[in-house]
N, C-alpha and C. Protein backbone atom coordinates (compact mmCIF):
# COMPACT_ATOMS: atom_id res chain seq x y z
N MET A 1 -17.58 -8.64 -12.73
CA MET A 1 -17.74 -7.40 -11.13
C MET A 1 -18.04 -6.40 -11.88
N PRO A 2 -18.94 -5.25 -11.17
CA PRO A 2 -19.64 -4.07 -11.26
C PRO A 2 -18.71 -2.85 -12.25
N GLN A 3 -18.77 -2.26 -12.97
CA GLN A 3 -18.13 -1.14 -13.55
C GLN A 3 -17.85 0.15 -12.90
N HIS A 4 -17.10 0.81 -12.83
CA HIS A 4 -16.85 1.77 -12.43
C HIS A 4 -17.60 3.19 -12.50
N THR A 5 -17.91 3.45 -11.69
CA THR A 5 -19.17 4.39 -11.98
C THR A 5 -18.80 5.07 -10.87
N SER A 6 -19.22 6.54 -10.98
CA SER A 6 -19.56 7.94 -10.46
C SER A 6 -21.19 7.70 -10.01
N GLN A 7 -21.97 6.98 -10.36
CA GLN A 7 -22.81 6.71 -9.07
C GLN A 7 -23.48 6.77 -8.11
N PRO A 8 -24.12 7.14 -7.12
CA PRO A 8 -24.55 6.50 -5.70
C PRO A 8 -24.24 5.07 -5.47
N LEU A 9 -24.18 4.75 -4.54
CA LEU A 9 -24.68 3.36 -4.18
C LEU A 9 -25.64 3.01 -3.30
N THR A 10 -26.11 2.35 -3.84
CA THR A 10 -27.34 1.77 -2.58
C THR A 10 -26.94 0.54 -1.54
N VAL A 11 -26.76 1.12 -0.73
CA VAL A 11 -26.46 -0.16 0.64
C VAL A 11 -27.26 -0.73 1.10
N VAL A 12 -27.14 -1.87 1.38
CA VAL A 12 -28.40 -2.28 2.74
C VAL A 12 -27.53 -2.94 3.93
N LEU A 13 -27.58 -2.40 5.09
CA LEU A 13 -26.66 -3.44 5.89
C LEU A 13 -27.31 -4.37 6.33
N THR A 14 -27.15 -6.03 6.68
CA THR A 14 -27.94 -6.87 7.22
C THR A 14 -27.61 -7.17 8.24
N SER A 15 -26.59 -7.28 8.66
CA SER A 15 -26.16 -7.83 9.99
C SER A 15 -24.52 -7.41 10.11
N GLU A 16 -24.18 -7.38 11.55
CA GLU A 16 -22.95 -7.21 12.12
C GLU A 16 -22.36 -8.80 12.64
N PHE A 17 -21.13 -8.57 11.66
CA PHE A 17 -20.62 -9.74 11.65
C PHE A 17 -19.67 -9.79 13.47
N ARG A 18 -18.52 -8.81 13.75
CA ARG A 18 -17.98 -8.54 15.03
C ARG A 18 -17.29 -7.23 14.89
N PRO A 19 -16.82 -6.94 15.81
CA PRO A 19 -15.52 -6.09 15.58
C PRO A 19 -14.80 -6.41 15.11
N GLY A 20 -14.00 -6.02 14.10
CA GLY A 20 -12.89 -6.52 13.51
C GLY A 20 -11.55 -6.05 14.29
N SER A 21 -10.50 -6.27 13.17
CA SER A 21 -9.26 -5.69 13.49
C SER A 21 -9.18 -4.40 13.53
N THR A 22 -9.92 -3.86 12.25
CA THR A 22 -10.05 -2.35 12.31
C THR A 22 -11.26 -2.00 11.86
N GLY A 23 -12.30 -1.55 13.23
CA GLY A 23 -13.49 -1.15 13.38
C GLY A 23 -14.52 -2.61 13.35
N TYR A 24 -15.77 -2.10 12.76
CA TYR A 24 -16.72 -3.14 12.53
C TYR A 24 -17.15 -3.38 11.32
N VAL A 25 -17.50 -4.90 11.02
CA VAL A 25 -17.47 -5.68 9.70
C VAL A 25 -19.24 -5.83 9.58
N HIS A 26 -19.93 -4.95 8.91
CA HIS A 26 -20.86 -5.52 8.92
C HIS A 26 -20.96 -6.20 7.30
N GLY A 27 -22.33 -7.70 7.40
CA GLY A 27 -22.76 -7.91 6.14
C GLY A 27 -23.36 -7.02 5.72
N GLY A 28 -24.21 -7.11 4.08
CA GLY A 28 -24.97 -5.92 3.49
C GLY A 28 -25.08 -6.87 1.99
N LYS A 29 -25.68 -5.92 1.29
CA LYS A 29 -26.02 -5.99 -0.14
C LYS A 29 -25.85 -4.81 -1.10
N LEU A 30 -25.26 -5.00 -2.00
CA LEU A 30 -25.42 -3.62 -2.85
C LEU A 30 -26.57 -3.73 -3.67
N LEU A 31 -27.65 -2.71 -3.90
CA LEU A 31 -28.81 -3.21 -4.93
C LEU A 31 -27.71 -2.46 -5.94
N THR A 32 -27.99 -3.17 -7.45
CA THR A 32 -27.89 -2.63 -8.66
C THR A 32 -29.38 -2.10 -9.73
N ASP A 33 -28.67 -1.38 -10.28
CA ASP A 33 -29.84 -1.20 -11.22
C ASP A 33 -30.53 -1.73 -11.69
N SER A 34 -30.44 -3.21 -12.51
CA SER A 34 -30.94 -4.14 -12.81
C SER A 34 -31.38 -4.89 -12.08
N ASP A 35 -31.72 -4.61 -10.69
CA ASP A 35 -32.73 -5.21 -9.62
C ASP A 35 -31.55 -6.24 -8.84
N HIS A 36 -30.44 -6.72 -9.43
CA HIS A 36 -29.52 -7.46 -8.54
C HIS A 36 -28.94 -6.93 -7.69
N THR A 37 -28.59 -8.04 -6.54
CA THR A 37 -27.90 -7.62 -5.41
C THR A 37 -26.69 -8.22 -5.35
N VAL A 38 -25.39 -7.69 -4.95
CA VAL A 38 -24.28 -8.48 -4.49
C VAL A 38 -24.06 -8.40 -3.14
N PRO A 39 -23.28 -9.22 -2.65
CA PRO A 39 -23.10 -9.21 -1.42
C PRO A 39 -21.64 -8.58 -0.92
N ILE A 40 -22.25 -8.12 0.21
CA ILE A 40 -20.53 -7.13 0.38
C ILE A 40 -20.86 -7.21 2.15
N CYS A 41 -19.10 -6.46 2.08
CA CYS A 41 -18.82 -6.46 3.25
C CYS A 41 -18.24 -4.86 3.60
N VAL A 42 -19.02 -3.82 4.38
CA VAL A 42 -18.53 -2.66 4.64
C VAL A 42 -18.42 -2.65 6.33
N LYS A 43 -16.90 -2.31 6.50
CA LYS A 43 -16.70 -1.64 7.22
C LYS A 43 -16.29 -0.47 7.62
N LEU A 44 -16.54 -0.49 9.41
CA LEU A 44 -16.60 1.08 9.59
C LEU A 44 -15.63 1.33 10.78
N ALA A 45 -15.05 2.45 10.62
CA ALA A 45 -14.00 2.63 11.23
C ALA A 45 -14.45 4.31 11.96
N PHE A 46 -14.38 4.28 13.19
CA PHE A 46 -14.76 5.19 14.05
C PHE A 46 -13.73 6.00 14.50
N SER A 47 -12.86 5.50 15.32
CA SER A 47 -11.33 5.78 16.01
C SER A 47 -10.75 6.27 15.01
N GLU A 48 -9.53 7.29 15.09
CA GLU A 48 -8.36 7.91 14.12
C GLU A 48 -7.88 7.13 13.60
N GLU A 49 -7.46 6.19 14.83
CA GLU A 49 -6.56 4.93 14.50
C GLU A 49 -7.36 3.41 13.81
N ASP A 50 -8.51 3.38 14.14
CA ASP A 50 -8.87 2.28 12.71
C ASP A 50 -9.10 3.49 11.43
N LYS A 51 -9.18 4.70 11.51
CA LYS A 51 -8.95 5.34 10.08
C LYS A 51 -8.14 4.99 9.55
N GLY A 52 -6.91 5.01 10.29
CA GLY A 52 -5.64 5.23 9.81
C GLY A 52 -5.32 3.23 9.30
N ARG A 53 -5.36 2.35 10.15
CA ARG A 53 -5.70 1.04 9.48
C ARG A 53 -7.03 1.03 8.47
N LEU A 54 -7.60 1.50 8.10
CA LEU A 54 -8.61 1.43 7.28
C LEU A 54 -8.05 1.84 6.06
N SER A 55 -7.82 3.13 5.86
CA SER A 55 -7.14 3.50 4.42
C SER A 55 -5.89 2.52 4.28
N LYS A 56 -4.96 2.00 5.04
CA LYS A 56 -3.72 1.34 4.70
C LYS A 56 -4.67 0.26 3.64
N GLU A 57 -5.15 -0.51 4.63
CA GLU A 57 -6.16 -1.30 3.97
C GLU A 57 -6.67 -1.55 2.38
N HIS A 58 -7.48 -0.11 2.57
CA HIS A 58 -8.05 -0.03 1.26
C HIS A 58 -6.13 0.12 0.20
N SER A 59 -5.47 0.52 0.74
CA SER A 59 -4.20 0.58 -0.07
C SER A 59 -3.78 -0.37 -0.33
N ILE A 60 -3.58 -1.38 0.22
CA ILE A 60 -3.57 -2.59 0.13
C ILE A 60 -3.76 -3.22 -0.87
N TYR A 61 -5.55 -2.99 -0.65
CA TYR A 61 -6.62 -3.85 -2.01
C TYR A 61 -6.13 -3.28 -3.00
N ARG A 62 -5.42 -1.86 -3.45
CA ARG A 62 -5.64 -1.28 -4.39
C ARG A 62 -4.33 -1.78 -4.76
N LEU A 63 -3.17 -1.65 -4.42
CA LEU A 63 -1.81 -2.42 -4.81
C LEU A 63 -2.11 -3.74 -5.79
N LEU A 64 -3.14 -4.46 -4.72
CA LEU A 64 -2.91 -6.06 -5.23
C LEU A 64 -3.81 -6.37 -6.42
N THR A 65 -4.75 -5.52 -6.15
CA THR A 65 -5.44 -5.06 -7.73
C THR A 65 -4.89 -4.96 -8.75
N SER A 66 -3.77 -4.03 -8.69
CA SER A 66 -3.19 -2.93 -9.82
C SER A 66 -2.34 -4.12 -10.61
N HIS A 67 -1.90 -5.22 -9.78
CA HIS A 67 -0.60 -5.81 -9.96
C HIS A 67 -1.50 -7.44 -10.43
N GLY A 68 -3.21 -7.34 -10.67
CA GLY A 68 -3.47 -8.68 -11.17
C GLY A 68 -3.63 -9.80 -10.37
N VAL A 69 -3.68 -9.28 -8.75
CA VAL A 69 -3.84 -10.26 -8.05
C VAL A 69 -5.36 -11.12 -8.18
N GLN A 70 -5.45 -12.23 -7.81
CA GLN A 70 -6.65 -12.66 -8.16
C GLN A 70 -7.23 -13.53 -6.72
N GLY A 71 -8.69 -13.43 -6.27
CA GLY A 71 -8.82 -13.82 -5.10
C GLY A 71 -9.19 -13.07 -4.33
N ILE A 72 -9.07 -11.90 -4.87
CA ILE A 72 -9.26 -10.39 -3.64
C ILE A 72 -10.42 -9.83 -3.51
N PRO A 73 -11.20 -9.55 -2.60
CA PRO A 73 -12.79 -8.72 -2.79
C PRO A 73 -12.40 -7.76 -3.78
N TYR A 74 -13.41 -7.19 -4.96
CA TYR A 74 -13.42 -6.23 -5.41
C TYR A 74 -13.87 -4.91 -4.29
N ILE A 75 -12.70 -3.77 -4.91
CA ILE A 75 -13.23 -2.78 -3.41
C ILE A 75 -14.51 -1.74 -4.18
N PHE A 76 -15.23 -1.48 -3.82
CA PHE A 76 -16.58 -0.34 -4.22
C PHE A 76 -15.91 1.14 -3.71
N GLY A 77 -15.18 1.01 -2.79
CA GLY A 77 -14.48 2.36 -2.16
C GLY A 77 -14.11 2.29 -0.75
N ILE A 78 -13.54 3.31 -0.76
CA ILE A 78 -13.52 3.85 0.64
C ILE A 78 -14.76 5.61 0.72
N PHE A 79 -15.10 5.44 1.60
CA PHE A 79 -15.81 6.71 1.63
C PHE A 79 -15.89 7.33 2.95
N ARG A 80 -15.47 8.56 2.99
CA ARG A 80 -15.43 9.50 4.46
C ARG A 80 -16.55 10.87 4.78
N GLU A 81 -16.97 10.44 5.99
CA GLU A 81 -18.10 11.51 6.17
C GLU A 81 -17.28 12.24 6.33
N ALA A 82 -17.48 13.72 5.88
CA ALA A 82 -16.49 14.92 5.77
C ALA A 82 -16.74 15.25 7.64
N GLU A 83 -18.05 15.72 7.94
CA GLU A 83 -18.10 16.23 9.30
C GLU A 83 -20.05 15.82 9.75
N THR A 84 -19.61 15.85 10.97
CA THR A 84 -20.96 15.20 11.98
C THR A 84 -21.60 16.53 12.35
N ALA A 85 -22.92 16.34 12.80
CA ALA A 85 -23.27 17.28 13.41
C ALA A 85 -22.59 18.17 14.39
N GLU A 86 -22.36 17.67 15.15
CA GLU A 86 -21.23 17.96 16.04
C GLU A 86 -20.39 18.75 16.08
N GLY A 87 -19.87 18.76 14.41
CA GLY A 87 -18.81 19.19 13.64
C GLY A 87 -17.37 18.09 13.57
N ALA A 88 -17.34 17.45 14.15
CA ALA A 88 -16.15 16.69 14.00
C ALA A 88 -16.57 15.66 12.95
N GLU A 89 -14.98 15.10 12.68
CA GLU A 89 -15.08 13.92 11.33
C GLU A 89 -15.82 13.03 11.49
N GLY A 90 -17.08 12.53 11.14
CA GLY A 90 -17.19 11.44 10.33
C GLY A 90 -16.56 9.84 10.62
N PRO A 91 -17.38 8.72 10.45
CA PRO A 91 -16.49 7.58 10.29
C PRO A 91 -15.91 7.32 8.61
N HIS A 92 -15.59 6.65 8.59
CA HIS A 92 -14.96 5.94 7.50
C HIS A 92 -15.48 4.63 7.16
N ALA A 93 -15.91 4.62 5.85
CA ALA A 93 -16.17 3.19 5.36
C ALA A 93 -15.69 2.86 4.34
N LEU A 94 -15.38 1.19 4.04
CA LEU A 94 -14.29 0.49 3.12
C LEU A 94 -15.82 -0.62 2.77
N VAL A 95 -15.85 -0.33 1.01
CA VAL A 95 -16.85 -0.73 0.81
C VAL A 95 -16.58 -2.29 -0.29
N ILE A 96 -16.42 -3.13 0.18
CA ILE A 96 -15.88 -3.84 -0.85
C ILE A 96 -17.10 -5.89 -0.73
N THR A 97 -16.63 -6.33 -2.06
CA THR A 97 -17.76 -7.37 -1.93
C THR A 97 -17.12 -8.50 -0.79
N TYR A 98 -18.14 -9.44 -0.33
CA TYR A 98 -17.99 -10.43 0.68
C TYR A 98 -17.36 -11.78 -0.17
N ALA A 99 -16.46 -11.81 0.32
CA ALA A 99 -15.32 -13.08 0.18
C ALA A 99 -14.96 -14.35 0.83
N GLY A 100 -15.91 -14.19 2.11
CA GLY A 100 -16.37 -15.57 3.00
C GLY A 100 -15.53 -15.06 4.15
N ALA A 101 -14.91 -15.89 5.23
CA ALA A 101 -14.81 -15.99 6.63
C ALA A 101 -13.49 -15.24 6.30
N THR A 102 -13.11 -14.73 7.55
CA THR A 102 -12.07 -14.14 7.91
C THR A 102 -10.82 -15.60 7.78
N LEU A 103 -9.71 -15.41 7.68
CA LEU A 103 -8.67 -16.42 8.47
C LEU A 103 -8.71 -16.52 9.55
N SER A 104 -8.69 -15.31 10.46
CA SER A 104 -9.05 -15.97 11.59
C SER A 104 -9.95 -16.73 12.30
N ASN A 105 -11.24 -16.70 11.71
CA ASN A 105 -11.88 -17.57 11.81
C ASN A 105 -12.07 -18.89 11.41
N SER A 106 -10.76 -19.33 10.59
CA SER A 106 -10.89 -20.40 10.14
C SER A 106 -10.45 -21.54 11.19
N LYS A 107 -10.57 -22.93 10.78
CA LYS A 107 -9.49 -23.90 11.85
C LYS A 107 -8.44 -23.77 11.51
N PRO A 108 -7.45 -23.92 12.20
CA PRO A 108 -6.20 -24.60 11.74
C PRO A 108 -5.99 -25.43 10.98
N LEU A 109 -5.37 -25.88 10.10
CA LEU A 109 -4.82 -27.04 9.08
C LEU A 109 -4.41 -28.30 10.16
N GLU A 110 -5.34 -29.15 9.42
CA GLU A 110 -3.86 -30.16 10.34
C GLU A 110 -3.08 -31.09 9.70
N LYS A 111 -2.54 -31.29 11.13
CA LYS A 111 -0.99 -31.93 10.44
C LYS A 111 -1.24 -33.26 9.67
N ARG A 112 -0.75 -33.50 8.68
CA ARG A 112 -0.72 -34.59 7.98
C ARG A 112 0.90 -35.65 7.92
N VAL A 113 0.58 -36.94 9.11
CA VAL A 113 2.08 -37.55 9.31
C VAL A 113 2.52 -38.70 7.98
N ARG A 114 3.21 -38.56 7.62
CA ARG A 114 3.19 -39.66 6.69
C ARG A 114 4.20 -40.89 7.02
């Protein structure tokens, strides 16, 4: 996974998956210094309620990572636009690696009868 850096990230959004349970989920790619791309997900939150949920989701990912849990997305960070031109707080964005379809989009497992 990418090393921690304080360098600016170059993110290109390529699609909108659909509105999620927390804001809007976009697919995209992170451009690296070595001309590689990393598939990412960008979750955007506009409402105060969604911003709170997004912050909680970020905290949960950090907690899981700190305990060495495998199989979760790599977290690039949560980014907050401090202020828009109108003086209101801007959207928040959670940037993570793309980890596949959400569980809510999965088919239910079939029961096997023995």
